[in-house]
Structures are given as C-alpha cells and as structure tokens.
Amino acid sequence: MEIIQPKLKSTEHSRDFREWVPSSYDSFMLELDHIISSCEGEYPAPLFRGQTNYEWFVDSTFARNCIQHIFNISDYHKLKNEIRQTSSFHRTIASLLLLKFGTVWKPSQEVFEREKSDDIDPWFELMKNLQQYPEKDYFINGTFILDWSRSKDIALYFATYEGRGQKRSISSGHGAVWICDAVATGKTLQTKKLGEILSMMNSEEYLNGNKTFPLLFHPPKQTYQPRSVNQVPVYIAQMDFRYNVADIWASFEDKNKKRVFVKLILHEDLKPDAVKYLASKNITDDVVYPE
C-alpha cells in the first residue's frame, strides 16, 4: 500500500505513520477499515495479528524462548542490540531451530504417508499443530512461524483477551492489531514445501544472514484442524532472527517507498467496547478454541 495517514485528525500516530492510536472504539474500527481499503493489488490480501501487549515485538515464539533460555532473562526485549543484531546470534538461533526440527521433532510416518496420498506438507503440518496446540511442545517451545489471520475479528479477539476457557480475561494494558499488506511484500508466498526451506536453512549462505526475508506459508492442501478452520490463519516465517519481522518490513518499506504494515493500538479503555463487538459477531472462546 502507499504510505497512508490516519483518516481522522483525532488519531495520534508515530512520526513514520507506522503506529496509530485511535481515540475511541468507533475511530479504531474506522481506521482499521481505512487501512484494509488501502491494501494494494487486484486481489488485496490484508492479514491481521492481535497482541495483548502493544509493546511486544513481532517475533516468533521460538526466538523469544531461545533468548529467555540462553540469556536467562524473563523480558526478552531487554537483550542488547549489539548481541542480537549479529550473525553469530542469528546462526545460534537458526542452528537450534534446525536441531529441534529434524532431530528432536519429526513428522509422524502417518503424515509422511498422507504427503504421498494427499500432497500435504508434513513439516508444515507439524509446525501448524505445535502453533495451535503449544501444550504438546517440549525442548525449546515454539516454531519460527507466526500466526496471522485473514479475519480482523480474530485478531481483535487476541488483542483483547488473554488466556482461554475459565481462565480467559480481558488483558490489562493496551493491545495492538497489526495489519500486513501481503501483496506489498512481493512474491513471498511459498510454493516450496517447508521441508525444502529447512534444508536451505542449513546452507552457509542462510546461516550467515543472507536470504532471510519473511516467508508466507498457506499451502492449498492441509489436514483438517478445527482451530485452523475457525481462526483462518496464515503463517509468516521469521527467517532472520537478528531482527523482529516488523523491523525487516520497515527496512523493505524504506527502500521501496511503500507501506507493508500498520500497527493499530487498542487503548485499554476501549477493550470493553471490543468485547461487546466480538460478542455481537459471535467471536467467542468456543469459536476460537472449538475443542
């Protein structure tokens, strides 16, 4: 999309127009629709991600957990840039990821058989399953793919609530809905299977920090999974662990004079209105987590 500005004068924004802070819930929804309508292409492809804390980076769970484990810090944001933004750091996280997916974790033989019969992607199915059911995970939890959704309502749900079931509650503090114009990044939708990408990640070229632009995964053939059906996810792989995904996109934007993403902040005071809206749309715990 073009480098757009908020539609309303009451909407505060950062100097680079990447972060917007609407003043009311109605303003929030109006600005959200304004961003969506600005996405480019004959077939626009806006993707959405909700986060309960607006300060969180757009990092994969695996990258976050690696930082916490290796450096023994609970707040991974506090890792110094002079450590994180090095090829040694990237190589370390990538090597641990390749150790996990290939040695510690592998798709089941049943899934490999379904690759032959149904042309599904075994490694994608494994990671998708761990994304949707993190309680099954072990070693260093997480994958290098991040959940996005084709539904703005699902993103708003995750920006508003934390936990689920009886433990679900409205999150404290400001949340955020990220909007990514998937067309603006060019041809990043992967036709290669995830196993091929993992093999490429073993190369010196990748481990030295080259060819690390975020990749989008949404295979046309996938196994049925209720959560995926209802959350309509699309997955974006974090390929460069030196930077969070938004920083990579921001660098791309600066070079190409266009906008890939906008971060729309949901003020804490607006969350009760978001709860009412989500209820009116039947975006409930039972829908988001149907099992």
C-alpha atoms as a PDB file:
ATOM      1  CA  MET A   1       0.000   0.000   0.000  1.00  0.00           C
ATOM      2  CA  GLU A   2       1.010   3.607  -0.253  1.00  0.00           C
ATOM      3  CA  ILE A   3       2.352   5.369   2.839  1.00  0.00           C
ATOM      4  CA  ILE A   4      -1.032   6.351   4.201  1.00  0.00           C
ATOM      5  CA  GLN A   5      -2.022   8.588   7.095  1.00  0.00           C
ATOM      6  CA  PRO A   6      -4.881   8.198   9.564  1.00  0.00           C
ATOM      7  CA  LYS A   7      -8.290   9.200   8.296  1.00  0.00           C
ATOM      8  CA  LEU A   8      -9.218  11.067  11.476  1.00  0.00           C
ATOM      9  CA  LYS A   9      -7.412  14.053  12.948  1.00  0.00           C
ATOM     10  CA  SER A  10      -8.125  12.671  16.419  1.00  0.00           C
ATOM     11  CA  THR A  11      -5.985   9.584  15.723  1.00  0.00           C
ATOM     12  CA  GLU A  12      -2.490  10.047  17.101  1.00  0.00           C
ATOM     13  CA  HIS A  13       0.400   8.488  15.212  1.00  0.00           C
ATOM     14  CA  SER A  14       4.130   7.975  15.208  1.00  0.00           C
ATOM     15  CA  ARG A  15       6.313  10.199  13.040  1.00  0.00           C
ATOM     16  CA  ASP A  16       6.733   7.442  10.440  1.00  0.00           C
ATOM     17  CA  PHE A  17       2.966   6.675  10.370  1.00  0.00           C
ATOM     18  CA  ARG A  18       3.570   3.006  11.235  1.00  0.00           C
ATOM     19  CA  GLU A  19       1.807   3.220  14.607  1.00  0.00           C
ATOM     20  CA  TRP A  20      -1.669   4.692  15.044  1.00  0.00           C
ATOM     21  CA  VAL A  21      -3.594   5.354  18.281  1.00  0.00           C
ATOM     22  CA  PRO A  22      -7.332   5.956  17.700  1.00  0.00           C
ATOM     23  CA  SER A  23      -9.174   7.995  20.341  1.00  0.00           C
ATOM     24  CA  SER A  24     -12.370   5.894  20.522  1.00  0.00           C
ATOM     25  CA  TYR A  25     -13.586   2.438  19.621  1.00  0.00           C
ATOM     26  CA  ASP A  26     -15.570   3.730  16.648  1.00  0.00           C
ATOM     27  CA  SER A  27     -12.428   5.534  15.492  1.00  0.00           C
ATOM     28  CA  PHE A  28     -10.439   2.330  15.914  1.00  0.00           C
ATOM     29  CA  MET A  29     -12.802   0.396  13.634  1.00  0.00           C
ATOM     30  CA  LEU A  30     -12.947   3.220  11.105  1.00  0.00           C
ATOM     31  CA  GLU A  31      -9.154   3.409  10.905  1.00  0.00           C
ATOM     32  CA  LEU A  32      -8.953  -0.376  10.639  1.00  0.00           C
ATOM     33  CA  ASP A  33     -11.279  -0.347   7.624  1.00  0.00           C
ATOM     34  CA  HIS A  34      -9.329   2.584   6.167  1.00  0.00           C
ATOM     35  CA  ILE A  35      -6.090   0.574   6.314  1.00  0.00           C
ATOM     36  CA  ILE A  36      -7.769  -2.504   4.816  1.00  0.00           C
ATOM     37  CA  SER A  37      -9.180  -0.486   1.917  1.00  0.00           C
ATOM     38  CA  SER A  38      -5.687   0.892   1.205  1.00  0.00           C
ATOM     39  CA  CYS A  39      -4.106  -2.535   0.605  1.00  0.00           C
ATOM     40  CA  GLU A  40      -2.836  -2.893  -2.928  1.00  0.00           C
ATOM     41  CA  GLY A  41      -3.390  -5.310  -5.783  1.00  0.00           C
ATOM     42  CA  GLU A  42      -6.230  -6.587  -7.908  1.00  0.00           C
ATOM     43  CA  TYR A  43      -6.818  -9.160  -5.186  1.00  0.00           C
ATOM     44  CA  PRO A  44      -5.820  -7.458  -1.906  1.00  0.00           C
ATOM     45  CA  ALA A  45      -4.585  -9.743   0.857  1.00  0.00           C
ATOM     46  CA  PRO A  46      -4.665  -7.995   4.240  1.00  0.00           C
ATOM     47  CA  LEU A  47      -3.501 -10.153   7.140  1.00  0.00           C
ATOM     48  CA  PHE A  48      -4.089  -9.421  10.806  1.00  0.00           C
ATOM     49  CA  ARG A  49      -2.345 -10.240  14.071  1.00  0.00           C
ATOM     50  CA  GLY A  50      -3.618  -9.392  17.537  1.00  0.00           C
ATOM     51  CA  GLN A  51      -1.317  -8.973  20.516  1.00  0.00           C
ATOM     52  CA  THR A  52      -2.464  -8.276  24.079  1.00  0.00           C
ATOM     53  CA  ASN A  53       0.566  -6.064  24.718  1.00  0.00           C
ATOM     54  CA  TYR A  54       1.212  -3.305  22.193  1.00  0.00           C
ATOM     55  CA  GLU A  55       4.898  -3.187  23.153  1.00  0.00           C
ATOM     56  CA  TRP A  56       5.615  -6.758  22.066  1.00  0.00           C
ATOM     57  CA  PHE A  57       7.852  -7.252  19.038  1.00  0.00           C
ATOM     58  CA  VAL A  58       6.705  -9.321  16.061  1.00  0.00           C
ATOM     59  CA  ASP A  59       8.938 -12.242  16.967  1.00  0.00           C
ATOM     60  CA  SER A  60       8.307 -15.959  16.743  1.00  0.00           C
ATOM     61  CA  THR A  61       7.723 -17.935  19.926  1.00  0.00           C
ATOM     62  CA  PHE A  62      10.904 -19.905  19.270  1.00  0.00           C
ATOM     63  CA  ALA A  63      13.050 -16.770  19.032  1.00  0.00           C
ATOM     64  CA  ARG A  64      11.553 -15.364  22.244  1.00  0.00           C
ATOM     65  CA  ASN A  65      12.048 -18.582  24.173  1.00  0.00           C
ATOM     66  CA  CYS A  66      15.613 -19.020  22.927  1.00  0.00           C
ATOM     67  CA  ILE A  67      16.541 -15.557  24.184  1.00  0.00           C
ATOM     68  CA  GLN A  68      14.954 -16.247  27.564  1.00  0.00           C
ATOM     69  CA  HIS A  69      16.696 -19.622  27.913  1.00  0.00           C
ATOM     70  CA  ILE A  70      20.129 -18.710  26.606  1.00  0.00           C
ATOM     71  CA  PHE A  71      20.473 -15.330  28.299  1.00  0.00           C
ATOM     72  CA  ASN A  72      18.365 -16.124  31.372  1.00  0.00           C
ATOM     73  CA  ILE A  73      16.184 -13.016  31.053  1.00  0.00           C
ATOM     74  CA  SER A  74      12.416 -13.082  31.521  1.00  0.00           C
ATOM     75  CA  ASP A  75      11.863  -9.970  29.385  1.00  0.00           C
ATOM     76  CA  TYR A  76      13.446 -10.881  26.083  1.00  0.00           C
ATOM     77  CA  HIS A  77      13.056  -7.287  24.835  1.00  0.00           C
ATOM     78  CA  LYS A  78      15.947  -6.331  27.095  1.00  0.00           C
ATOM     79  CA  LEU A  79      18.543  -8.252  25.085  1.00  0.00           C
ATOM     80  CA  LYS A  80      21.052  -5.694  23.852  1.00  0.00           C
ATOM     81  CA  ASN A  81      21.066  -4.941  20.128  1.00  0.00           C
ATOM     82  CA  GLU A  82      24.839  -5.354  19.979  1.00  0.00           C
ATOM     83  CA  ILE A  83      24.252  -9.010  20.860  1.00  0.00           C
ATOM     84  CA  ARG A  84      21.091  -9.696  18.910  1.00  0.00           C
ATOM     85  CA  GLN A  85      21.998  -7.956  15.675  1.00  0.00           C
ATOM     86  CA  THR A  86      24.985 -10.179  14.915  1.00  0.00           C
ATOM     87  CA  SER A  87      25.393 -13.068  12.520  1.00  0.00           C
ATOM     88  CA  SER A  88      26.561 -15.202  15.470  1.00  0.00           C
ATOM     89  CA  PHE A  89      23.223 -14.698  17.223  1.00  0.00           C
ATOM     90  CA  HIS A  90      21.279 -15.499  14.043  1.00  0.00           C
ATOM     91  CA  ARG A  91      23.392 -18.602  13.440  1.00  0.00           C
ATOM     92  CA  THR A  92      22.840 -19.806  17.014  1.00  0.00           C
ATOM     93  CA  ILE A  93      19.042 -19.490  16.926  1.00  0.00           C
ATOM     94  CA  ALA A  94      18.832 -20.970  13.430  1.00  0.00           C
ATOM     95  CA  SER A  95      21.011 -23.923  14.466  1.00  0.00           C
ATOM     96  CA  LEU A  96      18.817 -24.611  17.496  1.00  0.00           C
ATOM     97  CA  LEU A  97      15.743 -24.460  15.281  1.00  0.00           C
ATOM     98  CA  LEU A  98      17.264 -26.957  12.858  1.00  0.00           C
ATOM     99  CA  LEU A  99      18.207 -29.182  15.792  1.00  0.00           C
ATOM    100  CA  LYS A 100      14.632 -29.149  17.017  1.00  0.00           C
ATOM    101  CA  PHE A 101      13.022 -29.747  13.634  1.00  0.00           C
ATOM    102  CA  GLY A 102      14.985 -32.609  12.224  1.00  0.00           C
ATOM    103  CA  THR A 103      16.408 -34.290  15.297  1.00  0.00           C
ATOM    104  CA  VAL A 104      14.160 -33.637  18.306  1.00  0.00           C
ATOM    105  CA  TRP A 105      10.896 -33.323  16.362  1.00  0.00           C
ATOM    106  CA  LYS A 106       9.911 -35.008  13.109  1.00  0.00           C
ATOM    107  CA  PRO A 107       6.556 -35.544  11.403  1.00  0.00           C
ATOM    108  CA  SER A 108       4.956 -38.918  12.050  1.00  0.00           C
ATOM    109  CA  GLN A 109       5.108 -41.704   9.494  1.00  0.00           C
ATOM    110  CA  GLU A 110       1.358 -41.324   9.065  1.00  0.00           C
ATOM    111  CA  VAL A 111       1.790 -37.711   7.988  1.00  0.00           C
ATOM    112  CA  PHE A 112       4.526 -38.688   5.514  1.00  0.00           C
ATOM    113  CA  GLU A 113       2.120 -41.259   4.072  1.00  0.00           C
ATOM    114  CA  ARG A 114      -0.501 -38.545   3.653  1.00  0.00           C
ATOM    115  CA  GLU A 115       2.053 -36.500   1.740  1.00  0.00           C
ATOM    116  CA  LYS A 116       2.086 -39.290  -0.847  1.00  0.00           C
ATOM    117  CA  SER A 117      -1.681 -39.717  -0.980  1.00  0.00           C
ATOM    118  CA  ASP A 118      -2.931 -36.148  -0.391  1.00  0.00           C
ATOM    119  CA  ASP A 119       0.084 -33.974  -1.292  1.00  0.00           C
ATOM    120  CA  ILE A 120       0.153 -32.262   2.109  1.00  0.00           C
ATOM    121  CA  ASP A 121       3.318 -30.703   3.575  1.00  0.00           C
ATOM    122  CA  PRO A 122       4.470 -32.872   6.537  1.00  0.00           C
ATOM    123  CA  TRP A 123       6.774 -30.303   8.139  1.00  0.00           C
ATOM    124  CA  PHE A 124       4.195 -27.548   7.803  1.00  0.00           C
ATOM    125  CA  GLU A 125       1.576 -29.779   9.410  1.00  0.00           C
ATOM    126  CA  LEU A 126       3.914 -30.471  12.323  1.00  0.00           C
ATOM    127  CA  MET A 127       4.615 -26.798  12.936  1.00  0.00           C
ATOM    128  CA  LYS A 128       0.980 -25.796  12.437  1.00  0.00           C
ATOM    129  CA  ASN A 129      -0.013 -28.368  15.052  1.00  0.00           C
ATOM    130  CA  LEU A 130       2.536 -27.017  17.544  1.00  0.00           C
ATOM    131  CA  GLN A 131       1.360 -23.479  16.863  1.00  0.00           C
ATOM    132  CA  GLN A 132      -2.252 -24.375  17.570  1.00  0.00           C
ATOM    133  CA  TYR A 133      -1.553 -26.790  20.438  1.00  0.00           C
ATOM    134  CA  PRO A 134       1.546 -25.450  22.245  1.00  0.00           C
ATOM    135  CA  GLU A 135       0.839 -27.655  25.265  1.00  0.00           C
ATOM    136  CA  LYS A 136       2.140 -30.600  23.197  1.00  0.00           C
ATOM    137  CA  ASP A 137       5.536 -28.960  22.717  1.00  0.00           C
ATOM    138  CA  TYR A 138       8.831 -29.571  24.503  1.00  0.00           C
ATOM    139  CA  PHE A 139      12.571 -28.837  24.103  1.00  0.00           C
ATOM    140  CA  ILE A 140      12.601 -25.074  23.395  1.00  0.00           C
ATOM    141  CA  ASN A 141       8.921 -24.345  22.819  1.00  0.00           C
ATOM    142  CA  GLY A 142       7.627 -22.772  19.657  1.00  0.00           C
ATOM    143  CA  THR A 143       8.352 -22.626  15.954  1.00  0.00           C
ATOM    144  CA  PHE A 144       9.695 -19.924  13.674  1.00  0.00           C
ATOM    145  CA  ILE A 145       6.307 -19.285  12.075  1.00  0.00           C
ATOM    146  CA  LEU A 146       3.948 -16.614  13.404  1.00  0.00           C
ATOM    147  CA  ASP A 147       0.177 -16.867  13.349  1.00  0.00           C
ATOM    148  CA  TRP A 148      -1.647 -14.216  11.338  1.00  0.00           C
ATOM    149  CA  SER A 149      -5.290 -14.351  10.308  1.00  0.00           C
ATOM    150  CA  ARG A 150      -7.410 -13.348   7.365  1.00  0.00           C
ATOM    151  CA  SER A 151     -10.029 -12.229   9.901  1.00  0.00           C
ATOM    152  CA  LYS A 152      -9.762  -8.837  11.562  1.00  0.00           C
ATOM    153  CA  ASP A 153     -12.198 -10.074  14.227  1.00  0.00           C
ATOM    154  CA  ILE A 154      -9.928 -12.954  15.226  1.00  0.00           C
ATOM    155  CA  ALA A 155      -7.015 -10.517  15.544  1.00  0.00           C
ATOM    156  CA  LEU A 156      -9.156  -8.210  17.668  1.00  0.00           C
ATOM    157  CA  TYR A 157     -10.025 -11.166  19.919  1.00  0.00           C
ATOM    158  CA  PHE A 158      -6.332 -11.814  20.613  1.00  0.00           C
ATOM    159  CA  ALA A 159      -5.688  -8.108  21.165  1.00  0.00           C
ATOM    160  CA  THR A 160      -8.459  -8.020  23.764  1.00  0.00           C
ATOM    161  CA  TYR A 161      -8.278 -11.304  25.667  1.00  0.00           C
ATOM    162  CA  GLU A 162      -5.596 -13.374  27.356  1.00  0.00           C
ATOM    163  CA  GLY A 163      -5.986 -16.991  28.403  1.00  0.00           C
ATOM    164  CA  ARG A 164      -8.960 -19.113  27.413  1.00  0.00           C
ATOM    165  CA  GLY A 165     -11.840 -21.029  28.928  1.00  0.00           C
ATOM    166  CA  GLN A 166     -12.466 -20.259  32.577  1.00  0.00           C
ATOM    167  CA  LYS A 167      -9.066 -18.552  32.725  1.00  0.00           C
ATOM    168  CA  ARG A 168      -9.936 -16.131  29.943  1.00  0.00           C
ATOM    169  CA  SER A 169      -9.957 -12.458  30.908  1.00  0.00           C
ATOM    170  CA  ILE A 170      -9.703  -9.051  29.308  1.00  0.00           C
ATOM    171  CA  SER A 171      -5.999  -8.288  29.162  1.00  0.00           C
ATOM    172  CA  SER A 172      -4.645  -5.301  31.042  1.00  0.00           C
ATOM    173  CA  GLY A 173      -2.804  -2.513  29.257  1.00  0.00           C
ATOM    174  CA  HIS A 174      -3.016  -1.508  25.614  1.00  0.00           C
ATOM    175  CA  GLY A 175      -3.309  -4.163  22.922  1.00  0.00           C
ATOM    176  CA  ALA A 176      -2.492  -3.958  19.224  1.00  0.00           C
ATOM    177  CA  VAL A 177      -3.844  -5.177  15.909  1.00  0.00           C
ATOM    178  CA  TRP A 178      -1.181  -5.400  13.228  1.00  0.00           C
ATOM    179  CA  ILE A 179      -2.288  -5.153   9.603  1.00  0.00           C
ATOM    180  CA  CYS A 180       0.050  -6.545   6.946  1.00  0.00           C
ATOM    181  CA  ASP A 181      -0.469  -5.935   3.237  1.00  0.00           C
ATOM    182  CA  ALA A 182       0.719  -9.332   1.986  1.00  0.00           C
ATOM    183  CA  VAL A 183       0.675  -8.163  -1.642  1.00  0.00           C
ATOM    184  CA  ALA A 184       3.047  -5.270  -0.907  1.00  0.00           C
ATOM    185  CA  THR A 185       5.930  -7.588   0.005  1.00  0.00           C
ATOM    186  CA  GLY A 186       6.028  -9.175  -3.443  1.00  0.00           C
ATOM    187  CA  LYS A 187       6.204 -12.906  -4.114  1.00  0.00           C
ATOM    188  CA  THR A 188       6.853 -14.278  -0.635  1.00  0.00           C
ATOM    189  CA  LEU A 189       4.064 -16.902  -0.646  1.00  0.00           C
ATOM    190  CA  GLN A 190       5.866 -20.224  -0.634  1.00  0.00           C
ATOM    191  CA  THR A 191       5.220 -22.889  -3.226  1.00  0.00           C
ATOM    192  CA  LYS A 192       8.131 -24.953  -1.892  1.00  0.00           C
ATOM    193  CA  LYS A 193       7.311 -27.266   0.980  1.00  0.00           C
ATOM    194  CA  LEU A 194       8.582 -26.372   4.422  1.00  0.00           C
ATOM    195  CA  GLY A 195      10.977 -29.315   4.448  1.00  0.00           C
ATOM    196  CA  GLU A 196      12.757 -27.820   1.436  1.00  0.00           C
ATOM    197  CA  ILE A 197      13.025 -24.485   3.240  1.00  0.00           C
ATOM    198  CA  LEU A 198      14.538 -26.194   6.291  1.00  0.00           C
ATOM    199  CA  SER A 199      17.107 -27.866   4.032  1.00  0.00           C
ATOM    200  CA  MET A 200      18.009 -24.492   2.528  1.00  0.00           C
ATOM    201  CA  MET A 201      18.436 -23.098   6.042  1.00  0.00           C
ATOM    202  CA  ASN A 202      21.351 -25.484   6.534  1.00  0.00           C
ATOM    203  CA  SER A 203      23.372 -23.591   3.928  1.00  0.00           C
ATOM    204  CA  GLU A 204      26.225 -21.252   4.855  1.00  0.00           C
ATOM    205  CA  GLU A 205      24.529 -18.504   2.863  1.00  0.00           C
ATOM    206  CA  TYR A 206      21.465 -18.585   5.089  1.00  0.00           C
ATOM    207  CA  LEU A 207      23.349 -19.113   8.354  1.00  0.00           C
ATOM    208  CA  ASN A 208      25.465 -16.052   7.553  1.00  0.00           C
ATOM    209  CA  GLY A 209      22.295 -13.953   7.361  1.00  0.00           C
ATOM    210  CA  ASN A 210      21.512 -13.884   3.631  1.00  0.00           C
ATOM    211  CA  LYS A 211      18.151 -14.681   2.011  1.00  0.00           C
ATOM    212  CA  THR A 212      16.289 -14.043   5.242  1.00  0.00           C
ATOM    213  CA  PHE A 213      13.197 -12.085   4.176  1.00  0.00           C
ATOM    214  CA  PRO A 214       9.973 -13.267   5.937  1.00  0.00           C
ATOM    215  CA  LEU A 215       8.170 -16.012   4.021  1.00  0.00           C
ATOM    216  CA  LEU A 216       4.431 -16.605   3.876  1.00  0.00           C
ATOM    217  CA  PHE A 217       3.012 -20.131   4.186  1.00  0.00           C
ATOM    218  CA  HIS A 218      -0.535 -21.067   3.279  1.00  0.00           C
ATOM    219  CA  PRO A 219      -0.489 -24.428   1.462  1.00  0.00           C
ATOM    220  CA  PRO A 220      -3.605 -25.125  -0.624  1.00  0.00           C
ATOM    221  CA  LYS A 221      -3.818 -28.662   0.820  1.00  0.00           C
ATOM    222  CA  GLN A 222      -3.846 -29.030   4.598  1.00  0.00           C
ATOM    223  CA  THR A 223      -5.202 -31.518   7.103  1.00  0.00           C
ATOM    224  CA  TYR A 224      -8.482 -30.606   8.791  1.00  0.00           C
ATOM    225  CA  GLN A 225      -7.997 -28.863  12.133  1.00  0.00           C
ATOM    226  CA  PRO A 226     -10.952 -27.128  13.844  1.00  0.00           C
ATOM    227  CA  ARG A 227      -8.897 -24.287  15.288  1.00  0.00           C
ATOM    228  CA  SER A 228      -7.351 -23.518  11.921  1.00  0.00           C
ATOM    229  CA  VAL A 229     -10.746 -23.542  10.233  1.00  0.00           C
ATOM    230  CA  ASN A 230     -12.166 -21.033  12.692  1.00  0.00           C
ATOM    231  CA  GLN A 231      -9.094 -18.839  13.141  1.00  0.00           C
ATOM    232  CA  VAL A 232      -8.401 -18.748   9.353  1.00  0.00           C
ATOM    233  CA  PRO A 233      -4.643 -18.484   9.906  1.00  0.00           C
ATOM    234  CA  VAL A 234      -1.865 -17.676   7.504  1.00  0.00           C
ATOM    235  CA  TYR A 235       1.670 -18.203   8.743  1.00  0.00           C
ATOM    236  CA  ILE A 236       4.649 -15.918   8.267  1.00  0.00           C
ATOM    237  CA  ALA A 237       8.083 -17.409   8.903  1.00  0.00           C
ATOM    238  CA  GLN A 238      10.701 -15.362  10.720  1.00  0.00           C
ATOM    239  CA  MET A 239      13.834 -16.055   8.695  1.00  0.00           C
ATOM    240  CA  ASP A 240      16.220 -13.509  10.216  1.00  0.00           C
ATOM    241  CA  PHE A 241      16.497 -13.797  13.992  1.00  0.00           C
ATOM    242  CA  ARG A 242      18.603 -10.650  14.338  1.00  0.00           C
ATOM    243  CA  TYR A 243      15.501  -8.518  13.875  1.00  0.00           C
ATOM    244  CA  ASN A 244      11.806  -8.874  14.536  1.00  0.00           C
ATOM    245  CA  VAL A 245       9.617  -9.216  11.452  1.00  0.00           C
ATOM    246  CA  ALA A 246       8.316  -5.635  11.615  1.00  0.00           C
ATOM    247  CA  ASP A 247      11.873  -4.258  11.531  1.00  0.00           C
ATOM    248  CA  ILE A 248      12.622  -6.288   8.397  1.00  0.00           C
ATOM    249  CA  TRP A 249       9.462  -4.966   6.760  1.00  0.00           C
ATOM    250  CA  ALA A 250      10.284  -1.392   7.819  1.00  0.00           C
ATOM    251  CA  SER A 251      13.662  -1.657   6.085  1.00  0.00           C
ATOM    252  CA  PHE A 252      11.912  -3.003   2.974  1.00  0.00           C
ATOM    253  CA  GLU A 253       9.442  -0.105   3.116  1.00  0.00           C
ATOM    254  CA  ASP A 254      12.187   2.494   3.314  1.00  0.00           C
ATOM    255  CA  LYS A 255      13.891   1.063   0.232  1.00  0.00           C
ATOM    256  CA  ASN A 256      10.700   0.659  -1.801  1.00  0.00           C
ATOM    257  CA  LYS A 257       8.798   3.777  -0.676  1.00  0.00           C
ATOM    258  CA  LYS A 258       5.691   1.831   0.278  1.00  0.00           C
ATOM    259  CA  ARG A 259       3.901   0.573   3.375  1.00  0.00           C
ATOM    260  CA  VAL A 260       3.746  -3.108   4.316  1.00  0.00           C
ATOM    261  CA  PHE A 261       2.225  -2.852   7.778  1.00  0.00           C
ATOM    262  CA  VAL A 262       0.447  -0.577  10.227  1.00  0.00           C
ATOM    263  CA  LYS A 263       0.228  -1.161  13.974  1.00  0.00           C
ATOM    264  CA  LEU A 264      -3.149  -0.067  15.305  1.00  0.00           C
ATOM    265  CA  ILE A 265      -3.147   0.343  19.084  1.00  0.00           C
ATOM    266  CA  LEU A 266      -6.227  -0.679  21.047  1.00  0.00           C
ATOM    267  CA  HIS A 267      -6.250   1.513  24.146  1.00  0.00           C
ATOM    268  CA  GLU A 268      -7.033  -0.326  27.386  1.00  0.00           C
ATOM    269  CA  ASP A 269     -10.156   1.800  27.887  1.00  0.00           C
ATOM    270  CA  LEU A 270     -11.535   0.623  24.523  1.00  0.00           C
ATOM    271  CA  LYS A 271     -11.404  -3.095  25.327  1.00  0.00           C
ATOM    272  CA  PRO A 272     -14.903  -3.260  26.911  1.00  0.00           C
ATOM    273  CA  ASP A 273     -16.311  -1.958  23.617  1.00  0.00           C
ATOM    274  CA  ALA A 274     -14.255  -4.570  21.773  1.00  0.00           C
ATOM    275  CA  VAL A 275     -15.785  -7.261  23.996  1.00  0.00           C
ATOM    276  CA  LYS A 276     -19.297  -6.104  23.039  1.00  0.00           C
ATOM    277  CA  TYR A 277     -18.389  -6.041  19.355  1.00  0.00           C
ATOM    278  CA  LEU A 278     -16.867  -9.529  19.467  1.00  0.00           C
ATOM    279  CA  ALA A 279     -19.965 -10.883  21.229  1.00  0.00           C
ATOM    280  CA  SER A 280     -22.160  -9.368  18.507  1.00  0.00           C
ATOM    281  CA  LYS A 281     -20.053 -11.160  15.895  1.00  0.00           C
ATOM    282  CA  ASN A 282     -20.156 -14.445  17.861  1.00  0.00           C
ATOM    283  CA  ILE A 283     -16.372 -14.445  18.231  1.00  0.00           C
ATOM    284  CA  THR A 284     -16.364 -16.432  21.462  1.00  0.00           C
ATOM    285  CA  ASP A 285     -13.958 -18.762  23.243  1.00  0.00           C
ATOM    286  CA  ASP A 286     -15.836 -21.755  21.837  1.00  0.00           C
ATOM    287  CA  VAL A 287     -15.385 -20.467  18.301  1.00  0.00           C
ATOM    288  CA  VAL A 288     -11.710 -19.564  18.607  1.00  0.00           C
ATOM    289  CA  TYR A 289     -10.919 -22.776  20.541  1.00  0.00           C
ATOM    290  CA  PRO A 290     -13.623 -25.211  19.355  1.00  0.00           C
ATOM    291  CA  GLU A 291     -12.172 -28.235  21.151  1.00  0.00           C
END
